[in-house]
Amino acid sequence: MGEDLAIRLLRKDEWAQAMVLATRSFVNEPFMVEMFGADPLHRFALAHRFYQSSPWQDADQTLGAFVGGVLVGLCLSSPSGRCNVCEHIDPRRPPEDPLLFFEWQFEVNVQAAHGDQGAHAWMRHMAVDPALRRAGIGRRLIADALQELSAAGARAVLLECQPHREDLYVACGFRRVRTFPEPSGPDATLMRADL
């Protein structure tokens, strides 16, 4: 990737734009099809509403990749000891909004999968504009995120992915720990990088 790619921390006022990118990046993933159905227009509308409902977290580290000033990639991470899913998900309180129910079930399963991993940071989303996949943006975002998390004191970073994404994360220094149930698709894989 040449000098046209810039990676920096996102600002809070860029969050809505980041969630549009997340929608475009994930809308055709198997879990989205399972959650929101096969019709692409209906699925996009629900996915957009779903990601726009995701709140900005001040404690998170959110890196953005920009080409020509346009956001083309993002990597959302929680620092060590501040894992968003471990701190904020209550397995006894499902959301009232049915749109958020599948994600809550998944996050409860993620929380359980994290239970025996000790202190850790968490990489919760890594998205690249579909038109720019395989251009090295995702690998660069992951490398920069791991460097930032390590500098902040993380010794282990966890993430969850669909089976077809495992090779990318292995190439970036993660190892497969185990699979666990994904309520809206194939089992998810818990991955870990020791820094």
Foldseek 3Di string as FASTA:
>chain_A
DDPQKDKDFDDQVCQLVVLLQVLQFCLPPQLLCLLQHDDSVRSSVLSSVVSNPDHDDPQKTKMFIDGPNHTFKIWIKHAWPCAPLLPPQDPVDADPDSSCRLVSVQSVFVNVVCVPVPTEMETEDIGGRPVCPPVCPSLVNLLVVVVVNVVVPGQKYKYKADPVCVVVVVVSAKDWDAWTDRPRGDTITIIMHGD
